[in-house]
Full PDB file with SEQRES, HELIX, SHEET, SSBOND, CRYST1, ORIGX, SCALE, CONECT and MASTER records, all heavy atoms in Angstrom:
SEQRES   1 A   33  CYS LEU ARG ALA VAL ILE ARG ALA GLY LEU TYR GLN GLY          
SEQRES   2 A   33  ILE ASP MET TYR VAL ILE TYR ASP GLY LEU ARG GLY LEU          
SEQRES   3 A   33  VAL GLU GLY GLN ILE LYS GLN                                  
HELIX    1 AA1 LEU A    2  TYR A   11  1                                  10    
HELIX    2 AA2 GLY A   22  GLU A   28  1                                   7    
SHEET    1 AA1 2 VAL A  18  ILE A  19  0                                        
SHEET    2 AA1 2 ILE A  31  LYS A  32 -1                                        
CRYST1    1.000    1.000    1.000  90.00  90.00  90.00 P 1           1          
ORIGX1      1.000000  0.000000  0.000000        0.00000                         
ORIGX2      0.000000  1.000000  0.000000        0.00000                         
ORIGX3      0.000000  0.000000  1.000000        0.00000                         
SCALE1      1.000000  0.000000  0.000000        0.00000                         
SCALE2      0.000000  1.000000  0.000000        0.00000                         
SCALE3      0.000000  0.000000  1.000000        0.00000                         
ATOM      1  N   CYS A   1     112.486  75.286 106.991  1.00  0.00           N  
ATOM      2  CA  CYS A   1     111.380  75.441 107.936  1.00  0.00           C  
ATOM      3  C   CYS A   1     110.966  76.911 108.053  1.00  0.00           C  
ATOM      4  O   CYS A   1     109.770  77.228 108.089  1.00  0.00           O  
ATOM      5  CB  CYS A   1     111.799  74.891 109.297  1.00  0.00           C  
ATOM      6  SG  CYS A   1     110.442  74.780 110.485  1.00  0.00           S  
ATOM      7  N   LEU A   2     111.953  77.782 108.128  1.00  0.00           N  
ATOM      8  CA  LEU A   2     111.686  79.224 108.155  1.00  0.00           C  
ATOM      9  C   LEU A   2     110.843  79.632 106.952  1.00  0.00           C  
ATOM     10  O   LEU A   2     109.856  80.374 107.075  1.00  0.00           O  
ATOM     11  CB  LEU A   2     113.014  79.973 108.165  1.00  0.00           C  
ATOM     12  CG  LEU A   2     112.984  81.499 108.147  1.00  0.00           C  
ATOM     13  CD1 LEU A   2     112.383  82.028 109.434  1.00  0.00           C  
ATOM     14  CD2 LEU A   2     114.397  82.050 107.945  1.00  0.00           C  
ATOM     15  N   ARG A   3     111.224  79.132 105.805  1.00  0.00           N  
ATOM     16  CA  ARG A   3     110.494  79.406 104.559  1.00  0.00           C  
ATOM     17  C   ARG A   3     109.045  78.944 104.671  1.00  0.00           C  
ATOM     18  O   ARG A   3     108.110  79.671 104.297  1.00  0.00           O  
ATOM     19  CB  ARG A   3     111.187  78.691 103.397  1.00  0.00           C  
ATOM     20  CG  ARG A   3     110.467  78.778 102.052  1.00  0.00           C  
ATOM     21  CD  ARG A   3     111.214  77.929 101.020  1.00  0.00           C  
ATOM     22  NE  ARG A   3     110.650  78.075  99.681  1.00  0.00           N  
ATOM     23  CZ  ARG A   3     109.646  77.347  99.214  1.00  0.00           C  
ATOM     24  NH1 ARG A   3     109.076  76.428 100.000  1.00  0.00           N  
ATOM     25  NH2 ARG A   3     109.201  77.524  97.986  1.00  0.00           N  
ATOM     26  N   ALA A   4     108.852  77.733 105.191  1.00  0.00           N  
ATOM     27  CA  ALA A   4     107.502  77.184 105.290  1.00  0.00           C  
ATOM     28  C   ALA A   4     106.635  77.983 106.251  1.00  0.00           C  
ATOM     29  O   ALA A   4     105.462  78.262 105.969  1.00  0.00           O  
ATOM     30  CB  ALA A   4     107.578  75.721 105.740  1.00  0.00           C  
ATOM     31  N   VAL A   5     107.207  78.366 107.390  1.00  0.00           N  
ATOM     32  CA  VAL A   5     106.447  79.152 108.374  1.00  0.00           C  
ATOM     33  C   VAL A   5     106.017  80.479 107.763  1.00  0.00           C  
ATOM     34  O   VAL A   5     104.844  80.880 107.857  1.00  0.00           O  
ATOM     35  CB  VAL A   5     107.291  79.394 109.642  1.00  0.00           C  
ATOM     36  CG1 VAL A   5     106.574  80.369 110.582  1.00  0.00           C  
ATOM     37  CG2 VAL A   5     107.580  78.087 110.363  1.00  0.00           C  
ATOM     38  N   ILE A   6     106.944  81.175 107.132  1.00  0.00           N  
ATOM     39  CA  ILE A   6     106.642  82.495 106.564  1.00  0.00           C  
ATOM     40  C   ILE A   6     105.609  82.393 105.457  1.00  0.00           C  
ATOM     41  O   ILE A   6     104.620  83.142 105.433  1.00  0.00           O  
ATOM     42  CB  ILE A   6     107.934  83.168 106.052  1.00  0.00           C  
ATOM     43  CG1 ILE A   6     108.853  83.505 107.228  1.00  0.00           C  
ATOM     44  CG2 ILE A   6     107.607  84.428 105.251  1.00  0.00           C  
ATOM     45  CD1 ILE A   6     110.237  83.986 106.820  1.00  0.00           C  
ATOM     46  N   ARG A   7     105.807  81.463 104.546  1.00  0.00           N  
ATOM     47  CA  ARG A   7     104.885  81.351 103.408  1.00  0.00           C  
ATOM     48  C   ARG A   7     103.499  80.892 103.846  1.00  0.00           C  
ATOM     49  O   ARG A   7     102.489  81.379 103.323  1.00  0.00           O  
ATOM     50  CB  ARG A   7     105.467  80.402 102.358  1.00  0.00           C  
ATOM     51  CG  ARG A   7     106.678  80.994 101.649  1.00  0.00           C  
ATOM     52  CD  ARG A   7     107.041  80.219 100.405  1.00  0.00           C  
ATOM     53  NE  ARG A   7     108.085  80.916  99.650  1.00  0.00           N  
ATOM     54  CZ  ARG A   7     108.229  80.834  98.338  1.00  0.00           C  
ATOM     55  NH1 ARG A   7     107.416  80.089  97.624  1.00  0.00           N  
ATOM     56  NH2 ARG A   7     109.205  81.493  97.730  1.00  0.00           N  
ATOM     57  N   ALA A   8     103.440  79.953 104.797  1.00  0.00           N  
ATOM     58  CA  ALA A   8     102.135  79.500 105.280  1.00  0.00           C  
ATOM     59  C   ALA A   8     101.403  80.644 105.973  1.00  0.00           C  
ATOM     60  O   ALA A   8     100.181  80.799 105.827  1.00  0.00           O  
ATOM     61  CB  ALA A   8     102.311  78.319 106.229  1.00  0.00           C  
ATOM     62  N   GLY A   9     102.137  81.457 106.731  1.00  0.00           N  
ATOM     63  CA  GLY A   9     101.527  82.597 107.392  1.00  0.00           C  
ATOM     64  C   GLY A   9     101.023  83.635 106.412  1.00  0.00           C  
ATOM     65  O   GLY A   9      99.896  84.132 106.534  1.00  0.00           O  
ATOM     66  N   LEU A  10     101.846  83.966 105.430  1.00  0.00           N  
ATOM     67  CA  LEU A  10     101.444  84.941 104.419  1.00  0.00           C  
ATOM     68  C   LEU A  10     100.224  84.457 103.633  1.00  0.00           C  
ATOM     69  O   LEU A  10      99.329  85.249 103.292  1.00  0.00           O  
ATOM     70  CB  LEU A  10     102.606  85.217 103.459  1.00  0.00           C  
ATOM     71  CG  LEU A  10     103.814  85.959 104.065  1.00  0.00           C  
ATOM     72  CD1 LEU A  10     104.958  85.999 103.059  1.00  0.00           C  
ATOM     73  CD2 LEU A  10     103.432  87.368 104.506  1.00  0.00           C  
ATOM     74  N   TYR A  11     100.182  83.174 103.358  1.00  0.00           N  
ATOM     75  CA  TYR A  11      99.048  82.581 102.638  1.00  0.00           C  
ATOM     76  C   TYR A  11      97.745  82.801 103.410  1.00  0.00           C  
ATOM     77  O   TYR A  11      96.678  82.988 102.808  1.00  0.00           O  
ATOM     78  CB  TYR A  11      99.298  81.086 102.422  1.00  0.00           C  
ATOM     79  CG  TYR A  11      98.195  80.372 101.685  1.00  0.00           C  
ATOM     80  CD1 TYR A  11      98.109  80.432 100.292  1.00  0.00           C  
ATOM     81  CD2 TYR A  11      97.237  79.624 102.383  1.00  0.00           C  
ATOM     82  CE1 TYR A  11      97.091  79.773  99.614  1.00  0.00           C  
ATOM     83  CE2 TYR A  11      96.221  78.965 101.713  1.00  0.00           C  
ATOM     84  CZ  TYR A  11      96.147  79.044 100.331  1.00  0.00           C  
ATOM     85  OH  TYR A  11      95.142  78.386  99.653  1.00  0.00           O  
ATOM     86  N   GLN A  12      97.847  82.815 104.749  1.00  0.00           N  
ATOM     87  CA  GLN A  12      96.668  83.016 105.600  1.00  0.00           C  
ATOM     88  C   GLN A  12      96.406  84.486 105.887  1.00  0.00           C  
ATOM     89  O   GLN A  12      95.511  84.822 106.686  1.00  0.00           O  
ATOM     90  CB  GLN A  12      96.855  82.263 106.922  1.00  0.00           C  
ATOM     91  CG  GLN A  12      96.947  80.757 106.783  1.00  0.00           C  
ATOM     92  CD  GLN A  12      95.646  80.114 106.321  1.00  0.00           C  
ATOM     93  OE1 GLN A  12      94.566  80.725 106.418  1.00  0.00           O  
ATOM     94  NE2 GLN A  12      95.723  78.902 105.807  1.00  0.00           N  
ATOM     95  N   GLY A  13      97.173  85.372 105.254  1.00  0.00           N  
ATOM     96  CA  GLY A  13      96.948  86.802 105.432  1.00  0.00           C  
ATOM     97  C   GLY A  13      97.567  87.381 106.693  1.00  0.00           C  
ATOM     98  O   GLY A  13      97.196  88.475 107.134  1.00  0.00           O  
ATOM     99  N   ILE A  14      98.531  86.675 107.270  1.00  0.00           N  
ATOM    100  CA  ILE A  14      99.185  87.112 108.495  1.00  0.00           C  
ATOM    101  C   ILE A  14     100.408  87.973 108.153  1.00  0.00           C  
ATOM    102  O   ILE A  14     101.125  87.698 107.193  1.00  0.00           O  
ATOM    103  CB  ILE A  14      99.640  85.894 109.329  1.00  0.00           C  
ATOM    104  CG1 ILE A  14      98.459  84.966 109.619  1.00  0.00           C  
ATOM    105  CG2 ILE A  14     100.328  86.331 110.609  1.00  0.00           C  
ATOM    106  CD1 ILE A  14      97.377  85.581 110.457  1.00  0.00           C  
ATOM    107  N   ASP A  15     100.658  88.997 108.940  1.00  0.00           N  
ATOM    108  CA  ASP A  15     101.913  89.752 108.831  1.00  0.00           C  
ATOM    109  C   ASP A  15     103.011  88.930 109.505  1.00  0.00           C  
ATOM    110  O   ASP A  15     102.893  88.555 110.675  1.00  0.00           O  
ATOM    111  CB  ASP A  15     101.788  91.105 109.528  1.00  0.00           C  
ATOM    112  CG  ASP A  15     100.873  92.068 108.789  1.00  0.00           C  
ATOM    113  OD1 ASP A  15     100.642  91.855 107.583  1.00  0.00           O  
ATOM    114  OD2 ASP A  15     100.380  93.017 109.432  1.00  0.00           O  
ATOM    115  N   MET A  16     104.091  88.666 108.749  1.00  0.00           N  
ATOM    116  CA  MET A  16     105.141  87.784 109.239  1.00  0.00           C  
ATOM    117  C   MET A  16     106.416  88.567 109.569  1.00  0.00           C  
ATOM    118  O   MET A  16     106.818  89.469 108.827  1.00  0.00           O  
ATOM    119  CB  MET A  16     105.454  86.694 108.215  1.00  0.00           C  
ATOM    120  CG  MET A  16     104.283  85.756 107.929  1.00  0.00           C  
ATOM    121  SD  MET A  16     103.664  84.884 109.416  1.00  0.00           S  
ATOM    122  CE  MET A  16     105.140  83.985 109.922  1.00  0.00           C  
ATOM    123  N   TYR A  17     107.042  88.182 110.677  1.00  0.00           N  
ATOM    124  CA  TYR A  17     108.259  88.830 111.153  1.00  0.00           C  
ATOM    125  C   TYR A  17     109.332  87.766 111.437  1.00  0.00           C  
ATOM    126  O   TYR A  17     109.014  86.629 111.791  1.00  0.00           O  
ATOM    127  CB  TYR A  17     107.986  89.599 112.449  1.00  0.00           C  
ATOM    128  CG  TYR A  17     107.101  90.805 112.274  1.00  0.00           C  
ATOM    129  CD1 TYR A  17     105.722  90.657 112.076  1.00  0.00           C  
ATOM    130  CD2 TYR A  17     107.625  92.099 112.296  1.00  0.00           C  
ATOM    131  CE1 TYR A  17     104.901  91.757 111.903  1.00  0.00           C  
ATOM    132  CE2 TYR A  17     106.800  93.206 112.129  1.00  0.00           C  
ATOM    133  CZ  TYR A  17     105.446  93.028 111.937  1.00  0.00           C  
ATOM    134  OH  TYR A  17     104.633  94.137 111.760  1.00  0.00           O  
ATOM    135  N   VAL A  18     110.593  88.164 111.287  1.00  0.00           N  
ATOM    136  CA  VAL A  18     111.698  87.301 111.707  1.00  0.00           C  
ATOM    137  C   VAL A  18     112.453  87.999 112.828  1.00  0.00           C  
ATOM    138  O   VAL A  18     112.469  89.223 112.918  1.00  0.00           O  
ATOM    139  CB  VAL A  18     112.661  86.972 110.544  1.00  0.00           C  
ATOM    140  CG1 VAL A  18     111.949  86.177 109.461  1.00  0.00           C  
ATOM    141  CG2 VAL A  18     113.294  88.232 109.972  1.00  0.00           C  
ATOM    142  N   ILE A  19     113.064  87.181 113.668  1.00  0.00           N  
ATOM    143  CA  ILE A  19     113.880  87.684 114.779  1.00  0.00           C  
ATOM    144  C   ILE A  19     115.302  87.172 114.571  1.00  0.00           C  
ATOM    145  O   ILE A  19     115.522  85.957 114.499  1.00  0.00           O  
ATOM    146  CB  ILE A  19     113.332  87.205 116.133  1.00  0.00           C  
ATOM    147  CG1 ILE A  19     111.893  87.711 116.321  1.00  0.00           C  
ATOM    148  CG2 ILE A  19     114.230  87.678 117.273  1.00  0.00           C  
ATOM    149  CD1 ILE A  19     111.182  87.109 117.516  1.00  0.00           C  
ATOM    150  N   TYR A  20     116.240  88.078 114.439  1.00  0.00           N  
ATOM    151  CA  TYR A  20     117.634  87.696 114.213  1.00  0.00           C  
ATOM    152  C   TYR A  20     118.316  87.315 115.532  1.00  0.00           C  
ATOM    153  O   TYR A  20     118.014  87.854 116.586  1.00  0.00           O  
ATOM    154  CB  TYR A  20     118.394  88.850 113.548  1.00  0.00           C  
ATOM    155  CG  TYR A  20     118.022  89.053 112.100  1.00  0.00           C  
ATOM    156  CD1 TYR A  20     116.983  89.909 111.740  1.00  0.00           C  
ATOM    157  CD2 TYR A  20     118.703  88.374 111.093  1.00  0.00           C  
ATOM    158  CE1 TYR A  20     116.630  90.085 110.404  1.00  0.00           C  
ATOM    159  CE2 TYR A  20     118.354  88.553 109.754  1.00  0.00           C  
ATOM    160  CZ  TYR A  20     117.328  89.402 109.414  1.00  0.00           C  
ATOM    161  OH  TYR A  20     116.972  89.577 108.093  1.00  0.00           O  
ATOM    162  N   ASP A  21     119.248  86.357 115.438  1.00  0.00           N  
ATOM    163  CA  ASP A  21     120.080  85.952 116.581  1.00  0.00           C  
ATOM    164  C   ASP A  21     119.301  85.337 117.733  1.00  0.00           C  
ATOM    165  O   ASP A  21     119.634  85.526 118.907  1.00  0.00           O  
ATOM    166  CB  ASP A  21     120.913  87.136 117.088  1.00  0.00           C  
ATOM    167  CG  ASP A  21     121.897  87.623 116.031  1.00  0.00           C  
ATOM    168  OD1 ASP A  21     122.498  86.772 115.346  1.00  0.00           O  
ATOM    169  OD2 ASP A  21     122.054  88.844 115.883  1.00  0.00           O  
ATOM    170  N   GLY A  22     118.258  84.586 117.402  1.00  0.00           N  
ATOM    171  CA  GLY A  22     117.569  83.771 118.386  1.00  0.00           C  
ATOM    172  C   GLY A  22     116.970  84.541 119.549  1.00  0.00           C  
ATOM    173  O   GLY A  22     116.502  85.676 119.415  1.00  0.00           O  
ATOM    174  N   LEU A  23     116.991  83.919 120.717  1.00  0.00           N  
ATOM    175  CA  LEU A  23     116.406  84.542 121.909  1.00  0.00           C  
ATOM    176  C   LEU A  23     117.149  85.809 122.306  1.00  0.00           C  
ATOM    177  O   LEU A  23     116.549  86.754 122.823  1.00  0.00           O  
ATOM    178  CB  LEU A  23     116.400  83.542 123.070  1.00  0.00           C  
ATOM    179  CG  LEU A  23     115.477  82.333 122.903  1.00  0.00           C  
ATOM    180  CD1 LEU A  23     115.676  81.345 124.042  1.00  0.00           C  
ATOM    181  CD2 LEU A  23     114.011  82.761 122.823  1.00  0.00           C  
ATOM    182  N   ARG A  24     118.452  85.840 122.033  1.00  0.00           N  
ATOM    183  CA  ARG A  24     119.212  87.056 122.327  1.00  0.00           C  
ATOM    184  C   ARG A  24     118.705  88.211 121.476  1.00  0.00           C  
ATOM    185  O   ARG A  24     118.520  89.336 121.970  1.00  0.00           O  
ATOM    186  CB  ARG A  24     120.703  86.835 122.073  1.00  0.00           C  
ATOM    187  CG  ARG A  24     121.573  88.011 122.516  1.00  0.00           C  
ATOM    188  CD  ARG A  24     123.037  87.754 122.217  1.00  0.00           C  
ATOM    189  NE  ARG A  24     123.321  87.800 120.784  1.00  0.00           N  
ATOM    190  CZ  ARG A  24     124.431  87.342 120.211  1.00  0.00           C  
ATOM    191  NH1 ARG A  24     125.354  86.766 120.952  1.00  0.00           N  
ATOM    192  NH2 ARG A  24     124.613  87.453 118.913  1.00  0.00           N  
ATOM    193  N   GLY A  25     118.462  87.935 120.204  1.00  0.00           N  
ATOM    194  CA  GLY A  25     117.935  88.972 119.327  1.00  0.00           C  
ATOM    195  C   GLY A  25     116.538  89.409 119.721  1.00  0.00           C  
ATOM    196  O   GLY A  25     116.179  90.582 119.557  1.00  0.00           O  
ATOM    197  N   LEU A  26     115.754  88.489 120.265  1.00  0.00           N  
ATOM    198  CA  LEU A  26     114.423  88.852 120.747  1.00  0.00           C  
ATOM    199  C   LEU A  26     114.531  89.841 121.894  1.00  0.00           C  
ATOM    200  O   LEU A  26     113.838  90.862 121.920  1.00  0.00           O  
ATOM    201  CB  LEU A  26     113.678  87.588 121.191  1.00  0.00           C  
ATOM    202  CG  LEU A  26     112.332  87.805 121.891  1.00  0.00           C  
ATOM    203  CD1 LEU A  26     111.382  88.623 121.030  1.00  0.00           C  
ATOM    204  CD2 LEU A  26     111.710  86.453 122.253  1.00  0.00           C  
ATOM    205  N   VAL A  27     115.402  89.563 122.841  1.00  0.00           N  
ATOM    206  CA  VAL A  27     115.591  90.459 123.982  1.00  0.00           C  
ATOM    207  C   VAL A  27     116.063  91.834 123.520  1.00  0.00           C  
ATOM    208  O   VAL A  27     115.651  92.874 124.056  1.00  0.00           O  
ATOM    209  CB  VAL A  27     116.594  89.853 124.988  1.00  0.00           C  
ATOM    210  CG1 VAL A  27     116.927  90.855 126.092  1.00  0.00           C  
ATOM    211  CG2 VAL A  27     116.030  88.567 125.590  1.00  0.00           C  
ATOM    212  N   GLU A  28     116.899  91.845 122.484  1.00  0.00           N  
ATOM    213  CA  GLU A  28     117.455  93.097 121.978  1.00  0.00           C  
ATOM    214  C   GLU A  28     116.541  93.800 120.980  1.00  0.00           C  
ATOM    215  O   GLU A  28     116.846  94.908 120.536  1.00  0.00           O  
ATOM    216  CB  GLU A  28     118.814  92.829 121.325  1.00  0.00           C  
ATOM    217  CG  GLU A  28     119.869  92.319 122.310  1.00  0.00           C  
ATOM    218  CD  GLU A  28     121.143  91.890 121.621  1.00  0.00           C  
ATOM    219  OE1 GLU A  28     121.155  91.838 120.359  1.00  0.00           O  
ATOM    220  OE2 GLU A  28     122.131  91.587 122.316  1.00  0.00           O  
ATOM    221  N   GLY A  29     115.452  93.149 120.578  1.00  0.00           N  
ATOM    222  CA  GLY A  29     114.512  93.772 119.656  1.00  0.00           C  
ATOM    223  C   GLY A  29     114.932  93.731 118.202  1.00  0.00           C  
ATOM    224  O   GLY A  29     114.529  94.599 117.411  1.00  0.00           O  
ATOM    225  N   GLN A  30     115.702  92.724 117.814  1.00  0.00           N  
ATOM    226  CA  GLN A  30     116.130  92.595 116.414  1.00  0.00           C  
ATOM    227  C   GLN A  30     115.019  91.909 115.607  1.00  0.00           C  
ATOM    228  O   GLN A  30     115.135  90.755 115.184  1.00  0.00           O  
ATOM    229  CB  GLN A  30     117.425  91.799 116.330  1.00  0.00           C  
ATOM    230  CG  GLN A  30     118.603  92.461 117.025  1.00  0.00           C  
ATOM    231  CD  GLN A  30     119.870  91.663 116.836  1.00  0.00           C  
ATOM    232  OE1 GLN A  30     120.230  91.285 115.712  1.00  0.00           O  
ATOM    233  NE2 GLN A  30     120.566  91.388 117.925  1.00  0.00           N  
ATOM    234  N   ILE A  31     113.954  92.627 115.387  1.00  0.00           N  
ATOM    235  CA  ILE A  31     112.732  92.090 114.787  1.00  0.00           C  
ATOM    236  C   ILE A  31     112.435  92.851 113.494  1.00  0.00           C  
ATOM    237  O   ILE A  31     112.462  94.086 113.471  1.00  0.00           O  
ATOM    238  CB  ILE A  31     111.552  92.214 115.768  1.00  0.00           C  
ATOM    239  CG1 ILE A  31     111.881  91.474 117.074  1.00  0.00           C  
ATOM    240  CG2 ILE A  31     110.277  91.668 115.144  1.00  0.00           C  
ATOM    241  CD1 ILE A  31     110.867  91.708 118.184  1.00  0.00           C  
ATOM    242  N   LYS A  32     112.154  92.099 112.421  1.00  0.00           N  
ATOM    243  CA  LYS A  32     111.945  92.727 111.108  1.00  0.00           C  
ATOM    244  C   LYS A  32     110.788  92.053 110.378  1.00  0.00           C  
ATOM    245  O   LYS A  32     110.707  90.827 110.335  1.00  0.00           O  
ATOM    246  CB  LYS A  32     113.221  92.606 110.269  1.00  0.00           C  
ATOM    247  CG  LYS A  32     113.099  93.142 108.856  1.00  0.00           C  
ATOM    248  CD  LYS A  32     114.370  92.891 108.062  1.00  0.00           C  
ATOM    249  CE  LYS A  32     114.213  93.350 106.616  1.00  0.00           C  
ATOM    250  NZ  LYS A  32     115.428  93.050 105.811  1.00  0.00           N  
ATOM    251  N   GLN A  33     109.913  92.874 109.808  1.00  0.00           N  
ATOM    252  CA  GLN A  33     108.832  92.315 108.999  1.00  0.00           C  
ATOM    253  C   GLN A  33     109.379  91.847 107.651  1.00  0.00           C  
ATOM    254  O   GLN A  33     110.288  92.475 107.091  1.00  0.00           O  
ATOM    255  CB  GLN A  33     107.727  93.345 108.774  1.00  0.00           C  
ATOM    256  CG  GLN A  33     106.501  92.752 108.069  1.00  0.00           C  
ATOM    257  CD  GLN A  33     105.328  93.718 107.997  1.00  0.00           C  
ATOM    258  OE1 GLN A  33     105.429  94.878 108.429  1.00  0.00           O  
ATOM    259  NE2 GLN A  33     104.213  93.258 107.460  1.00  0.00           N  
TER     260      GLN A  33                                                      
MASTER        0    0    0    2    2    0    0    6  259    1    0    3          
END                                                                             
């Protein structure tokens, strides 16, 4: 699913990011393009 979200977004010209460690990682800013 992660693969599909990223590839579909890139196909539409969107900058795609992942967040490590779920909601905890979001709070901590573990965000990577």
